[in-house]
Amino acid sequence: MLKKFPDTILIILGILLAFIILTWIVPAGEFARTLIDGRTVIEPGTYARVEPSPQGVGAFFTAPIRGFVEAAQIIGFVFLVGGAFSIVTFTGAVDAGLQRIIHFSRRHPSYKRWILPLVITLFSLGGSTFGMSEETLVFVLITIPLALALGYDSIVGVAIAFVGAGLGFAGAFINPFTIGVAQGIAELPPASGMGYRLIVWAVITLVGIWYVMRYARKVELNKEASPVYEIDQTRDLSAFG
């Protein structure tokens, strides 16, 4: 019997409980802080022990509420971005776009080599801007037929969505779930370091595209070299034209 992974809320409550217990064990201390250019920064060499303030049951129940209040701007921003992405997904625009790419690739085979980098880049942008991650699972139903229509295999289809979104998430430049939260905690403006992050995102995405295309080229030259060759032969793609 497979063990079920704990719910996210349970994990967060477990971490909260662990930190409350640590307030009774870890010696208390703090650094002096000063305000520089609108940011609260630590003054090196000013650490000093302070009177311990162990937390109890009351803190366990009030900490989430206080956290919501202190992070209200970040939470609101994440809700807005997540809601916008959900609306785009609900309209079916992404699915329709991918199906149009499938039909285009069949009508214009000479453009085939550009389709894979284009779609991976689009998913990478989704991971970098909207924090697209597990949402890519639903798009696999489209990207696998796309990969097969291009002469590749199902592994390439899965890689288009998951590798693309994963690359964007890892090298994000405006992802509210990573960049937004971190910059809010560090009291940095949203656009700080944008140039560097764009370069990192571009490099990571290009490396990922090269890796996926290298495998795709191998499968294109010898389809029987694919680990899922026999499975792909049984797939019904009639619904995709």
Protein backbone atom coordinates (compact mmCIF):
# COMPACT_ATOMS: atom_id res chain seq x y z
CA MET A 1 0.00 0.00 0.00
CA LEU A 2 1.42 3.36 -1.04
CA LYS A 3 1.80 5.97 1.66
CA LYS A 4 -0.09 9.19 1.01
CA PHE A 5 2.00 12.37 1.07
CA PRO A 6 0.88 14.71 3.90
CA ASP A 7 -1.35 17.63 2.99
CA THR A 8 0.40 20.99 2.54
CA ILE A 9 -1.51 22.55 5.43
CA LEU A 10 -0.42 19.71 7.72
CA ILE A 11 3.22 20.26 6.74
CA ILE A 12 2.96 24.00 7.46
CA LEU A 13 1.34 23.38 10.85
CA GLY A 14 4.07 20.85 11.65
CA ILE A 15 6.77 23.40 10.85
CA LEU A 16 4.95 25.99 12.98
CA LEU A 17 4.76 23.57 15.91
CA ALA A 18 8.47 22.73 15.55
CA PHE A 19 9.44 26.40 15.70
CA ILE A 20 7.27 26.97 18.77
CA ILE A 21 9.05 24.08 20.51
CA LEU A 22 12.43 25.54 19.49
CA THR A 23 11.58 28.82 21.26
CA TRP A 24 11.89 26.83 24.51
CA ILE A 25 15.24 25.29 23.52
CA VAL A 26 17.29 27.67 21.34
CA PRO A 27 18.97 30.57 23.22
CA ALA A 28 17.43 33.94 22.33
CA GLY A 29 19.46 36.69 20.67
CA GLU A 30 19.22 39.42 18.07
CA PHE A 31 21.17 41.83 15.89
CA ALA A 32 20.71 45.58 15.89
CA ARG A 33 18.97 46.79 12.75
CA THR A 34 19.09 50.04 10.85
CA LEU A 35 17.12 51.57 7.97
CA ILE A 36 19.16 52.14 4.78
CA ASP A 37 17.46 53.34 1.58
CA GLY A 38 14.11 52.14 2.83
CA ARG A 39 15.38 48.66 3.75
CA THR A 40 15.84 47.26 7.23
CA VAL A 41 19.34 45.72 7.35
CA ILE A 42 21.35 43.98 10.07
CA GLU A 43 24.38 45.71 11.60
CA PRO A 44 27.28 43.19 11.61
CA GLY A 45 28.90 42.47 14.96
CA THR A 46 25.94 43.67 17.03
CA TYR A 47 24.56 40.28 18.06
CA ALA A 48 23.55 40.14 21.73
CA ARG A 49 21.67 37.69 23.94
CA VAL A 50 18.21 38.79 25.02
CA GLU A 51 15.60 37.56 27.44
CA PRO A 52 13.96 34.41 26.01
CA SER A 53 10.32 34.62 24.96
CA PRO A 54 9.03 31.06 24.65
CA GLN A 55 5.76 30.69 22.74
CA GLY A 56 2.76 28.65 23.78
CA VAL A 57 -0.55 27.32 22.51
CA GLY A 58 -1.89 30.82 21.88
CA ALA A 59 0.94 31.60 19.46
CA PHE A 60 0.20 28.41 17.53
CA PHE A 61 -3.33 29.61 16.71
CA THR A 62 -2.59 33.32 16.23
CA ALA A 63 0.61 33.03 14.17
CA PRO A 64 -1.19 32.22 10.87
CA ILE A 65 -3.48 35.24 11.29
CA ARG A 66 -0.57 37.57 12.08
CA GLY A 67 1.27 36.15 9.09
CA PHE A 68 -1.68 36.92 6.81
CA VAL A 69 -1.77 40.51 8.07
CA GLU A 70 1.96 41.13 7.69
CA ALA A 71 2.11 39.52 4.22
CA ALA A 72 -1.19 40.93 2.94
CA GLN A 73 0.37 42.65 -0.09
CA ILE A 74 2.25 39.53 -1.19
CA ILE A 75 -0.81 37.32 -0.69
CA GLY A 76 -3.00 39.71 -2.68
CA PHE A 77 -0.48 39.82 -5.53
CA VAL A 78 -0.23 36.02 -5.65
CA PHE A 79 -4.02 35.70 -5.71
CA LEU A 80 -4.30 38.16 -8.59
CA VAL A 81 -1.63 36.44 -10.69
CA GLY A 82 -3.00 32.97 -9.92
CA GLY A 83 -6.52 34.11 -10.78
CA ALA A 84 -5.38 35.62 -14.07
CA PHE A 85 -3.66 32.38 -15.05
CA SER A 86 -6.76 30.36 -14.09
CA ILE A 87 -8.94 32.56 -16.30
CA VAL A 88 -6.59 32.09 -19.27
CA THR A 89 -6.60 28.32 -18.69
CA PHE A 90 -10.40 28.20 -18.29
CA THR A 91 -10.97 29.91 -21.65
CA GLY A 92 -9.11 27.08 -23.38
CA ALA A 93 -6.85 29.55 -25.19
CA VAL A 94 -3.70 27.55 -24.46
CA ASP A 95 -5.23 24.27 -25.64
CA ALA A 96 -6.53 25.91 -28.81
CA GLY A 97 -3.14 27.45 -29.51
CA LEU A 98 -1.35 24.12 -29.16
CA GLN A 99 -3.82 22.40 -31.47
CA ARG A 100 -3.28 25.12 -34.08
CA ILE A 101 0.46 24.48 -33.82
CA ILE A 102 -0.17 20.77 -34.48
CA HIS A 103 -2.17 21.54 -37.64
CA PHE A 104 0.40 24.13 -38.76
CA SER A 105 3.26 21.63 -38.38
CA ARG A 106 1.42 19.16 -40.62
CA ARG A 107 0.74 21.74 -43.32
CA HIS A 108 4.25 23.24 -43.22
CA PRO A 109 6.80 20.50 -42.41
CA SER A 110 9.72 22.84 -43.19
CA TYR A 111 8.98 24.83 -40.00
CA LYS A 112 9.00 21.73 -37.83
CA ARG A 113 12.43 22.34 -36.29
CA TRP A 114 11.29 25.69 -34.88
CA ILE A 115 8.11 24.44 -33.22
CA LEU A 116 9.78 22.54 -30.38
CA PRO A 117 11.94 25.49 -29.20
CA LEU A 118 8.94 27.83 -29.53
CA VAL A 119 6.57 25.76 -27.40
CA ILE A 120 9.22 25.00 -24.76
CA THR A 121 9.94 28.73 -24.54
CA LEU A 122 6.24 29.49 -24.08
CA PHE A 123 5.99 27.00 -21.21
CA SER A 124 9.20 28.43 -19.76
CA LEU A 125 7.64 31.89 -19.83
CA GLY A 126 4.62 30.46 -18.03
CA GLY A 127 6.83 29.04 -15.29
CA SER A 128 8.78 32.28 -15.02
CA THR A 129 5.82 34.66 -14.90
CA PHE A 130 2.78 32.80 -13.55
CA GLY A 131 4.66 30.19 -11.57
CA MET A 132 3.31 27.42 -13.82
CA SER A 133 4.32 24.08 -12.32
CA GLU A 134 1.90 21.24 -11.58
CA GLU A 135 -0.67 22.94 -13.86
CA THR A 136 1.34 21.63 -16.81
CA LEU A 137 -0.09 18.16 -16.21
CA VAL A 138 -3.30 19.02 -18.08
CA PHE A 139 -1.35 20.24 -21.11
CA VAL A 140 0.40 16.91 -21.56
CA LEU A 141 -2.78 15.69 -23.28
CA ILE A 142 -1.95 18.22 -26.02
CA THR A 143 1.85 18.23 -26.02
CA ILE A 144 2.14 14.44 -26.48
CA PRO A 145 0.07 14.48 -29.70
CA LEU A 146 2.10 17.53 -30.76
CA ALA A 147 5.37 15.64 -30.27
CA LEU A 148 4.07 12.56 -32.09
CA ALA A 149 2.82 14.70 -34.96
CA LEU A 150 6.32 16.16 -35.27
CA GLY A 151 7.80 12.66 -35.50
CA TYR A 152 9.07 12.37 -31.93
CA ASP A 153 7.81 10.29 -28.98
CA SER A 154 5.73 10.72 -25.82
CA ILE A 155 8.79 11.49 -23.72
CA VAL A 156 9.39 14.59 -25.84
CA GLY A 157 5.72 15.50 -25.38
CA VAL A 158 6.03 15.33 -21.61
CA ALA A 159 9.35 17.21 -21.71
CA ILE A 160 7.83 20.06 -23.70
CA ALA A 161 5.48 20.90 -20.84
CA PHE A 162 7.33 19.78 -17.72
CA VAL A 163 10.89 20.67 -18.70
CA GLY A 164 9.75 23.96 -20.20
CA ALA A 165 7.76 25.04 -17.15
CA GLY A 166 10.43 23.71 -14.78
CA LEU A 167 13.14 25.71 -16.53
CA GLY A 168 11.05 28.86 -16.27
CA PHE A 169 10.25 28.26 -12.62
CA ALA A 170 13.91 27.64 -11.78
CA GLY A 171 15.14 30.70 -13.67
CA ALA A 172 12.13 32.92 -12.97
CA PHE A 173 12.39 36.67 -13.36
CA ILE A 174 8.94 37.79 -12.12
CA ASN A 175 7.40 34.65 -10.60
CA PRO A 176 5.26 35.93 -7.69
CA PHE A 177 5.56 32.64 -5.80
CA THR A 178 9.37 32.84 -5.62
CA ILE A 179 10.70 36.24 -6.68
CA GLY A 180 7.74 38.20 -5.32
CA VAL A 181 7.76 36.54 -1.90
CA ALA A 182 11.56 36.70 -1.55
CA GLN A 183 11.77 40.35 -2.55
CA GLY A 184 8.96 41.22 -0.19
CA ILE A 185 10.82 39.61 2.70
CA ALA A 186 14.09 41.30 1.68
CA GLU A 187 12.27 44.63 1.25
CA LEU A 188 13.52 44.98 -2.34
CA PRO A 189 11.58 46.62 -5.20
CA PRO A 190 9.98 44.13 -7.63
CA ALA A 191 12.20 45.12 -10.57
CA SER A 192 15.52 44.85 -8.74
CA GLY A 193 18.01 42.52 -10.44
CA MET A 194 15.69 42.08 -13.44
CA GLY A 195 18.49 42.18 -16.01
CA TYR A 196 20.48 39.46 -14.26
CA ARG A 197 17.41 37.26 -13.82
CA LEU A 198 16.49 37.62 -17.51
CA ILE A 199 19.98 36.47 -18.50
CA VAL A 200 19.78 33.48 -16.14
CA TRP A 201 16.33 32.55 -17.48
CA ALA A 202 17.50 32.79 -21.10
CA VAL A 203 20.61 30.66 -20.49
CA ILE A 204 18.70 27.99 -18.55
CA THR A 205 15.95 27.86 -21.18
CA LEU A 206 18.42 27.58 -24.07
CA VAL A 207 20.29 24.74 -22.36
CA GLY A 208 17.00 22.94 -21.71
CA ILE A 209 15.87 23.37 -25.32
CA TRP A 210 19.19 21.98 -26.57
CA TYR A 211 18.90 18.96 -24.27
CA VAL A 212 15.31 18.13 -25.30
CA MET A 213 16.04 18.68 -29.00
CA ARG A 214 19.10 16.44 -28.85
CA TYR A 215 16.93 13.59 -27.55
CA ALA A 216 14.15 14.44 -30.03
CA ARG A 217 16.62 14.31 -32.92
CA LYS A 218 17.81 10.88 -31.77
CA VAL A 219 14.23 9.56 -31.74
CA GLU A 220 13.44 11.17 -35.10
CA LEU A 221 16.35 9.35 -36.74
CA ASN A 222 15.51 6.02 -35.11
CA LYS A 223 12.03 5.79 -33.62
CA GLU A 224 12.66 2.29 -32.31
CA ALA A 225 15.36 3.74 -30.03
CA SER A 226 12.59 5.36 -27.98
CA PRO A 227 11.83 3.56 -24.67
CA VAL A 228 8.10 4.12 -25.34
CA TYR A 229 8.11 3.20 -29.04
CA GLU A 230 5.64 0.31 -28.72
CA ILE A 231 3.30 2.33 -26.51
CA ASP A 232 3.28 5.25 -28.95
CA GLN A 233 2.24 2.93 -31.79
CA THR A 234 -1.06 2.28 -30.01
CA ARG A 235 -2.00 5.92 -29.44
CA ASP A 236 -5.08 7.25 -31.24
CA LEU A 237 -4.39 10.75 -32.59
CA SER A 238 -7.49 11.03 -34.77
CA ALA A 239 -8.93 13.71 -32.47
CA PHE A 240 -6.04 15.98 -33.38
CA GLY A 241 -6.50 15.92 -37.11
